[in-house]
């Protein structure tokens, strides 16, 4: 950066901690929603003609699907 060399320190955070630590419960909830939304959108996305597909479209559809799935989760509590 700016002609200087910098070294990063290794993070103490690892995947196991993120998956088990209650402090990351919300992160894991969103990760689950993203996984579910992505699978659902993938099914629909592949039915769209190739010339109309784009990364932006996939991301937008996934985001909207996550919002809808999130509403369903909140409604069940």
PDB file of N, CA and C in Angstrom:
ATOM      1  N   UNK A   1       0.856  -1.182   0.000  1.00  0.00           N
ATOM      2  CA  UNK A   1       0.000   0.000   0.000  1.00  0.00           C
ATOM      3  C   UNK A   1       0.889   1.227   0.000  1.00  0.00           C
ATOM      4  N   UNK A   2       0.646   2.107  -0.923  1.00  0.00           N
ATOM      5  CA  UNK A   2       1.441   3.324  -1.047  1.00  0.00           C
ATOM      6  C   UNK A   2       2.936   3.030  -1.092  1.00  0.00           C
ATOM      7  N   UNK A   3       3.319   1.931  -1.770  1.00  0.00           N
ATOM      8  CA  UNK A   3       4.725   1.591  -1.902  1.00  0.00           C
ATOM      9  C   UNK A   3       5.321   0.907  -0.680  1.00  0.00           C
ATOM     10  N   UNK A   4       4.518   0.657   0.333  1.00  0.00           N
ATOM     11  CA  UNK A   4       4.984   0.018   1.566  1.00  0.00           C
ATOM     12  C   UNK A   4       4.498  -1.433   1.609  1.00  0.00           C
ATOM     13  N   UNK A   5       5.273  -2.276   2.266  1.00  0.00           N
ATOM     14  CA  UNK A   5       4.864  -3.659   2.482  1.00  0.00           C
ATOM     15  C   UNK A   5       4.273  -3.791   3.885  1.00  0.00           C
ATOM     16  N   UNK A   6       3.186  -4.520   3.984  1.00  0.00           N
ATOM     17  CA  UNK A   6       2.530  -4.752   5.266  1.00  0.00           C
ATOM     18  C   UNK A   6       2.306  -6.245   5.432  1.00  0.00           C
ATOM     19  N   UNK A   7       2.329  -6.716   6.660  1.00  0.00           N
ATOM     20  CA  UNK A   7       2.044  -8.117   6.962  1.00  0.00           C
ATOM     21  C   UNK A   7       0.773  -8.171   7.800  1.00  0.00           C
ATOM     22  N   UNK A   8      -0.047  -9.146   7.506  1.00  0.00           N
ATOM     23  CA  UNK A   8      -1.258  -9.343   8.303  1.00  0.00           C
ATOM     24  C   UNK A   8      -0.986 -10.346   9.402  1.00  0.00           C
ATOM     25  N   UNK A   9      -1.673 -10.171  10.498  1.00  0.00           N
ATOM     26  CA  UNK A   9      -1.622 -11.158  11.564  1.00  0.00           C
ATOM     27  C   UNK A   9      -2.683 -12.216  11.289  1.00  0.00           C
ATOM     28  N   UNK A  10      -2.396 -13.427  11.664  1.00  0.00           N
ATOM     29  CA  UNK A  10      -3.357 -14.504  11.490  1.00  0.00           C
ATOM     30  C   UNK A  10      -4.543 -14.264  12.418  1.00  0.00           C
ATOM     31  N   UNK A  11      -5.734 -14.439  11.896  1.00  0.00           N
ATOM     32  CA  UNK A  11      -6.937 -14.243  12.689  1.00  0.00           C
ATOM     33  C   UNK A  11      -7.147 -15.423  13.636  1.00  0.00           C
ATOM     34  N   UNK A  12      -7.689 -15.136  14.798  1.00  0.00           N
ATOM     35  CA  UNK A  12      -8.018 -16.204  15.741  1.00  0.00           C
ATOM     36  C   UNK A  12      -9.383 -16.816  15.408  1.00  0.00           C
ATOM     37  N   UNK A  13     -10.090 -16.206  14.495  1.00  0.00           N
ATOM     38  CA  UNK A  13     -11.421 -16.659  14.100  1.00  0.00           C
ATOM     39  C   UNK A  13     -11.302 -17.794  13.093  1.00  0.00           C
ATOM     40  N   UNK A  14     -12.013 -18.886  13.345  1.00  0.00           N
ATOM     41  CA  UNK A  14     -12.018 -19.988  12.386  1.00  0.00           C
ATOM     42  C   UNK A  14     -13.455 -20.458  12.158  1.00  0.00           C
ATOM     43  N   UNK A  15     -13.625 -21.314  11.168  1.00  0.00           N
ATOM     44  CA  UNK A  15     -14.958 -21.779  10.803  1.00  0.00           C
ATOM     45  C   UNK A  15     -15.692 -22.479  11.926  1.00  0.00           C
ATOM     46  N   UNK A  16     -14.972 -23.271  12.706  1.00  0.00           N
ATOM     47  CA  UNK A  16     -15.611 -23.999  13.808  1.00  0.00           C
ATOM     48  C   UNK A  16     -16.216 -23.034  14.821  1.00  0.00           C
ATOM     49  N   UNK A  17     -15.471 -21.979  15.139  1.00  0.00           N
ATOM     50  CA  UNK A  17     -15.979 -20.999  16.110  1.00  0.00           C
ATOM     51  C   UNK A  17     -17.213 -20.287  15.560  1.00  0.00           C
ATOM     52  N   UNK A  18     -17.170 -19.898  14.291  1.00  0.00           N
ATOM     53  CA  UNK A  18     -18.310 -19.202  13.692  1.00  0.00           C
ATOM     54  C   UNK A  18     -19.554 -20.092  13.752  1.00  0.00           C
ATOM     55  N   UNK A  19     -19.373 -21.393  13.520  1.00  0.00           N
ATOM     56  CA  UNK A  19     -20.507 -22.315  13.499  1.00  0.00           C
ATOM     57  C   UNK A  19     -21.051 -22.659  14.881  1.00  0.00           C
ATOM     58  N   UNK A  20     -20.229 -22.520  15.930  1.00  0.00           N
ATOM     59  CA  UNK A  20     -20.668 -22.955  17.256  1.00  0.00           C
ATOM     60  C   UNK A  20     -20.850 -21.836  18.276  1.00  0.00           C
ATOM     61  N   UNK A  21     -20.185 -20.721  18.113  1.00  0.00           N
ATOM     62  CA  UNK A  21     -20.234 -19.625  19.086  1.00  0.00           C
ATOM     63  C   UNK A  21     -21.578 -18.891  18.977  1.00  0.00           C
ATOM     64  N   UNK A  22     -22.301 -18.751  20.090  1.00  0.00           N
ATOM     65  CA  UNK A  22     -23.582 -18.041  20.071  1.00  0.00           C
ATOM     66  C   UNK A  22     -23.471 -16.600  19.538  1.00  0.00           C
ATOM     67  N   UNK A  23     -22.289 -16.011  19.628  1.00  0.00           N
ATOM     68  CA  UNK A  23     -22.098 -14.646  19.126  1.00  0.00           C
ATOM     69  C   UNK A  23     -22.298 -14.578  17.610  1.00  0.00           C
ATOM     70  N   UNK A  24     -22.184 -15.714  16.921  1.00  0.00           N
ATOM     71  CA  UNK A  24     -22.321 -15.746  15.466  1.00  0.00           C
ATOM     72  C   UNK A  24     -23.628 -16.400  15.022  1.00  0.00           C
ATOM     73  N   UNK A  25     -24.588 -16.517  15.926  1.00  0.00           N
ATOM     74  CA  UNK A  25     -25.866 -17.161  15.591  1.00  0.00           C
ATOM     75  C   UNK A  25     -26.563 -16.445  14.440  1.00  0.00           C
ATOM     76  N   UNK A  26     -26.555 -15.124  14.468  1.00  0.00           N
ATOM     77  CA  UNK A  26     -27.214 -14.355  13.407  1.00  0.00           C
ATOM     78  C   UNK A  26     -26.488 -14.550  12.069  1.00  0.00           C
ATOM     79  N   UNK A  27     -25.173 -14.617  12.111  1.00  0.00           N
ATOM     80  CA  UNK A  27     -24.382 -14.866  10.897  1.00  0.00           C
ATOM     81  C   UNK A  27     -24.770 -16.206  10.295  1.00  0.00           C
ATOM     82  N   UNK A  28     -24.898 -17.213  11.131  1.00  0.00           N
ATOM     83  CA  UNK A  28     -25.256 -18.541  10.642  1.00  0.00           C
ATOM     84  C   UNK A  28     -26.688 -18.579  10.114  1.00  0.00           C
ATOM     85  N   UNK A  29     -27.577 -17.805  10.727  1.00  0.00           N
ATOM     86  CA  UNK A  29     -28.950 -17.735  10.233  1.00  0.00           C
ATOM     87  C   UNK A  29     -28.965 -17.174   8.819  1.00  0.00           C
ATOM     88  N   UNK A  30     -28.197 -16.111   8.609  1.00  0.00           N
ATOM     89  CA  UNK A  30     -28.146 -15.521   7.266  1.00  0.00           C
ATOM     90  C   UNK A  30     -27.440 -16.438   6.270  1.00  0.00           C
ATOM     91  N   UNK A  31     -26.445 -17.182   6.727  1.00  0.00           N
ATOM     92  CA  UNK A  31     -25.765 -18.139   5.853  1.00  0.00           C
ATOM     93  C   UNK A  31     -26.739 -19.230   5.404  1.00  0.00           C
ATOM     94  N   UNK A  32     -27.578 -19.682   6.327  1.00  0.00           N
ATOM     95  CA  UNK A  32     -28.579 -20.688   5.975  1.00  0.00           C
ATOM     96  C   UNK A  32     -29.579 -20.126   4.969  1.00  0.00           C
ATOM     97  N   UNK A  33     -30.035 -18.900   5.209  1.00  0.00           N
ATOM     98  CA  UNK A  33     -30.964 -18.262   4.275  1.00  0.00           C
ATOM     99  C   UNK A  33     -30.336 -18.115   2.897  1.00  0.00           C
ATOM    100  N   UNK A  34     -29.081 -17.703   2.845  1.00  0.00           N
ATOM    101  CA  UNK A  34     -28.392 -17.535   1.569  1.00  0.00           C
ATOM    102  C   UNK A  34     -28.298 -18.861   0.832  1.00  0.00           C
ATOM    103  N   UNK A  35     -27.972 -19.922   1.539  1.00  0.00           N
ATOM    104  CA  UNK A  35     -27.881 -21.246   0.921  1.00  0.00           C
ATOM    105  C   UNK A  35     -29.218 -21.696   0.349  1.00  0.00           C
ATOM    106  N   UNK A  36     -30.274 -21.530   1.128  1.00  0.00           N
ATOM    107  CA  UNK A  36     -31.610 -21.929   0.661  1.00  0.00           C
ATOM    108  C   UNK A  36     -32.049 -21.084  -0.526  1.00  0.00           C
ATOM    109  N   UNK A  37     -31.847 -19.776  -0.429  1.00  0.00           N
ATOM    110  CA  UNK A  37     -32.249 -18.870  -1.504  1.00  0.00           C
ATOM    111  C   UNK A  37     -31.484 -19.181  -2.783  1.00  0.00           C
ATOM    112  N   UNK A  38     -30.205 -19.425  -2.661  1.00  0.00           N
ATOM    113  CA  UNK A  38     -29.369 -19.706  -3.822  1.00  0.00           C
ATOM    114  C   UNK A  38     -29.826 -20.967  -4.552  1.00  0.00           C
ATOM    115  N   UNK A  39     -30.167 -22.000  -3.796  1.00  0.00           N
ATOM    116  CA  UNK A  39     -30.648 -23.240  -4.415  1.00  0.00           C
ATOM    117  C   UNK A  39     -31.970 -23.022  -5.138  1.00  0.00           C
ATOM    118  N   UNK A  40     -32.883 -22.275  -4.499  1.00  0.00           N
ATOM    119  CA  UNK A  40     -34.170 -21.997  -5.131  1.00  0.00           C
ATOM    120  C   UNK A  40     -33.999 -21.179  -6.408  1.00  0.00           C
ATOM    121  N   UNK A  41     -33.198 -20.132  -6.325  1.00  0.00           N
ATOM    122  CA  UNK A  41     -32.987 -19.246  -7.473  1.00  0.00           C
ATOM    123  C   UNK A  41     -32.293 -19.993  -8.603  1.00  0.00           C
ATOM    124  N   UNK A  42     -31.376 -20.876  -8.268  1.00  0.00           N
ATOM    125  CA  UNK A  42     -30.653 -21.626  -9.293  1.00  0.00           C
ATOM    126  C   UNK A  42     -31.613 -22.396 -10.199  1.00  0.00           C
ATOM    127  N   UNK A  43     -32.627 -22.997  -9.600  1.00  0.00           N
ATOM    128  CA  UNK A  43     -33.618 -23.747 -10.368  1.00  0.00           C
ATOM    129  C   UNK A  43     -34.340 -22.846 -11.366  1.00  0.00           C
ATOM    130  N   UNK A  44     -34.739 -21.683 -10.909  1.00  0.00           N
ATOM    131  CA  UNK A  44     -35.464 -20.736 -11.768  1.00  0.00           C
ATOM    132  C   UNK A  44     -34.514 -20.115 -12.788  1.00  0.00           C
ATOM    133  N   UNK A  45     -33.337 -19.738 -12.342  1.00  0.00           N
ATOM    134  CA  UNK A  45     -32.357 -19.035 -13.178  1.00  0.00           C
ATOM    135  C   UNK A  45     -31.992 -19.845 -14.428  1.00  0.00           C
ATOM    136  N   UNK A  46     -31.865 -21.157 -14.289  1.00  0.00           N
ATOM    137  CA  UNK A  46     -31.486 -21.979 -15.430  1.00  0.00           C
ATOM    138  C   UNK A  46     -32.599 -22.118 -16.461  1.00  0.00           C
ATOM    139  N   UNK A  47     -33.778 -21.662 -16.147  1.00  0.00           N
ATOM    140  CA  UNK A  47     -34.879 -21.658 -17.113  1.00  0.00           C
ATOM    141  C   UNK A  47     -34.921 -20.362 -17.924  1.00  0.00           C
ATOM    142  N   UNK A  48     -34.130 -19.391 -17.518  1.00  0.00           N
ATOM    143  CA  UNK A  48     -34.039 -18.110 -18.230  1.00  0.00           C
ATOM    144  C   UNK A  48     -33.114 -18.313 -19.426  1.00  0.00           C
ATOM    145  N   UNK A  49     -33.461 -17.767 -20.601  1.00  0.00           N
ATOM    146  CA  UNK A  49     -32.580 -17.912 -21.770  1.00  0.00           C
ATOM    147  C   UNK A  49     -31.169 -17.402 -21.456  1.00  0.00           C
ATOM    148  N   UNK A  50     -30.155 -18.114 -21.961  1.00  0.00           N
ATOM    149  CA  UNK A  50     -28.756 -17.796 -21.653  1.00  0.00           C
ATOM    150  C   UNK A  50     -28.400 -16.347 -21.940  1.00  0.00           C
ATOM    151  N   UNK A  51     -28.925 -15.787 -23.015  1.00  0.00           N
ATOM    152  CA  UNK A  51     -28.567 -14.413 -23.377  1.00  0.00           C
ATOM    153  C   UNK A  51     -29.146 -13.380 -22.405  1.00  0.00           C
ATOM    154  N   UNK A  52     -30.091 -13.786 -21.568  1.00  0.00           N
ATOM    155  CA  UNK A  52     -30.692 -12.867 -20.600  1.00  0.00           C
ATOM    156  C   UNK A  52     -30.109 -13.046 -19.194  1.00  0.00           C
ATOM    157  N   UNK A  53     -29.307 -14.078 -18.987  1.00  0.00           N
ATOM    158  CA  UNK A  53     -28.718 -14.334 -17.677  1.00  0.00           C
ATOM    159  C   UNK A  53     -27.530 -13.415 -17.417  1.00  0.00           C
ATOM    160  N   UNK A  54     -27.349 -13.073 -16.159  1.00  0.00           N
ATOM    161  CA  UNK A  54     -26.165 -12.311 -15.750  1.00  0.00           C
ATOM    162  C   UNK A  54     -25.943 -12.541 -14.264  1.00  0.00           C
ATOM    163  N   UNK A  55     -24.729 -12.285 -13.840  1.00  0.00           N
ATOM    164  CA  UNK A  55     -24.400 -12.426 -12.416  1.00  0.00           C
ATOM    165  C   UNK A  55     -25.265 -11.480 -11.588  1.00  0.00           C
ATOM    166  N   UNK A  56     -25.446 -10.261 -12.104  1.00  0.00           N
ATOM    167  CA  UNK A  56     -26.252  -9.258 -11.401  1.00  0.00           C
ATOM    168  C   UNK A  56     -27.689  -9.760 -11.202  1.00  0.00           C
ATOM    169  N   UNK A  57     -28.260 -10.369 -12.229  1.00  0.00           N
ATOM    170  CA  UNK A  57     -29.623 -10.907 -12.129  1.00  0.00           C
ATOM    171  C   UNK A  57     -29.687 -11.993 -11.059  1.00  0.00           C
ATOM    172  N   UNK A  58     -28.718 -12.901 -11.068  1.00  0.00           N
ATOM    173  CA  UNK A  58     -28.701 -13.975 -10.073  1.00  0.00           C
ATOM    174  C   UNK A  58     -28.612 -13.399  -8.661  1.00  0.00           C
ATOM    175  N   UNK A  59     -27.724 -12.421  -8.473  1.00  0.00           N
ATOM    176  CA  UNK A  59     -27.563 -11.806  -7.154  1.00  0.00           C
ATOM    177  C   UNK A  59     -28.840 -11.095  -6.711  1.00  0.00           C
ATOM    178  N   UNK A  60     -29.484 -10.391  -7.634  1.00  0.00           N
ATOM    179  CA  UNK A  60     -30.705  -9.660  -7.288  1.00  0.00           C
ATOM    180  C   UNK A  60     -31.822 -10.638  -6.908  1.00  0.00           C
ATOM    181  N   UNK A  61     -31.980 -11.698  -7.699  1.00  0.00           N
ATOM    182  CA  UNK A  61     -33.006 -12.700  -7.401  1.00  0.00           C
ATOM    183  C   UNK A  61     -32.732 -13.383  -6.057  1.00  0.00           C
ATOM    184  N   UNK A  62     -31.470 -13.681  -5.796  1.00  0.00           N
ATOM    185  CA  UNK A  62     -31.099 -14.322  -4.533  1.00  0.00           C
ATOM    186  C   UNK A  62     -31.410 -13.396  -3.357  1.00  0.00           C
ATOM    187  N   UNK A  63     -31.083 -12.120  -3.495  1.00  0.00           N
ATOM    188  CA  UNK A  63     -31.367 -11.152  -2.438  1.00  0.00           C
ATOM    189  C   UNK A  63     -32.848 -11.040  -2.141  1.00  0.00           C
ATOM    190  N   UNK A  64     -33.652 -10.950  -3.195  1.00  0.00           N
ATOM    191  CA  UNK A  64     -35.100 -10.856  -3.005  1.00  0.00           C
ATOM    192  C   UNK A  64     -35.655 -12.130  -2.370  1.00  0.00           C
ATOM    193  N   UNK A  65     -35.137 -13.274  -2.795  1.00  0.00           N
ATOM    194  CA  UNK A  65     -35.590 -14.549  -2.223  1.00  0.00           C
ATOM    195  C   UNK A  65     -35.205 -14.648  -0.749  1.00  0.00           C
ATOM    196  N   UNK A  66     -34.005 -14.169  -0.407  1.00  0.00           N
ATOM    197  CA  UNK A  66     -33.590 -14.161   1.003  1.00  0.00           C
ATOM    198  C   UNK A  66     -34.538 -13.321   1.845  1.00  0.00           C
ATOM    199  N   UNK A  67     -34.939 -12.171   1.321  1.00  0.00           N
ATOM    200  CA  UNK A  67     -35.875 -11.302   2.053  1.00  0.00           C
ATOM    201  C   UNK A  67     -37.180 -12.039   2.329  1.00  0.00           C
ATOM    202  N   UNK A  68     -37.701 -12.710   1.312  1.00  0.00           N
ATOM    203  CA  UNK A  68     -38.962 -13.439   1.465  1.00  0.00           C
ATOM    204  C   UNK A  68     -38.822 -14.604   2.422  1.00  0.00           C
ATOM    205  N   UNK A  69     -37.736 -15.341   2.330  1.00  0.00           N
ATOM    206  CA  UNK A  69     -37.509 -16.457   3.259  1.00  0.00           C
ATOM    207  C   UNK A  69     -37.355 -15.926   4.685  1.00  0.00           C
ATOM    208  N   UNK A  70     -36.703 -14.797   4.842  1.00  0.00           N
ATOM    209  CA  UNK A  70     -36.521 -14.184   6.151  1.00  0.00           C
ATOM    210  C   UNK A  70     -37.844 -13.776   6.773  1.00  0.00           C
ATOM    211  N   UNK A  71     -38.743 -13.282   5.930  1.00  0.00           N
ATOM    212  CA  UNK A  71     -40.080 -12.906   6.437  1.00  0.00           C
ATOM    213  C   UNK A  71     -40.794 -14.138   6.965  1.00  0.00           C
ATOM    214  N   UNK A  72     -40.655 -15.243   6.267  1.00  0.00           N
ATOM    215  CA  UNK A  72     -41.289 -16.495   6.696  1.00  0.00           C
ATOM    216  C   UNK A  72     -40.737 -16.958   8.025  1.00  0.00           C
ATOM    217  N   UNK A  73     -39.428 -16.826   8.221  1.00  0.00           N
ATOM    218  CA  UNK A  73     -38.796 -17.235   9.482  1.00  0.00           C
ATOM    219  C   UNK A  73     -39.310 -16.405  10.637  1.00  0.00           C
ATOM    220  N   UNK A  74     -39.380 -15.090  10.440  1.00  0.00           N
ATOM    221  CA  UNK A  74     -39.832 -14.204  11.514  1.00  0.00           C
ATOM    222  C   UNK A  74     -41.297 -14.474  11.851  1.00  0.00           C
ATOM    223  N   UNK A  75     -42.072 -14.824  10.846  1.00  0.00           N
ATOM    224  CA  UNK A  75     -43.481 -15.069  11.074  1.00  0.00           C
ATOM    225  C   UNK A  75     -43.748 -16.295  11.932  1.00  0.00           C
ATOM    226  N   UNK A  76     -42.819 -17.254  11.935  1.00  0.00           N
ATOM    227  CA  UNK A  76     -43.014 -18.510  12.682  1.00  0.00           C
ATOM    228  C   UNK A  76     -42.709 -18.370  14.161  1.00  0.00           C
ATOM    229  N   UNK A  77     -41.964 -17.331  14.548  1.00  0.00           N
ATOM    230  CA  UNK A  77     -41.573 -17.178  15.965  1.00  0.00           C
ATOM    231  C   UNK A  77     -42.712 -16.766  16.836  1.00  0.00           C
TER     232      UNK A  77
END
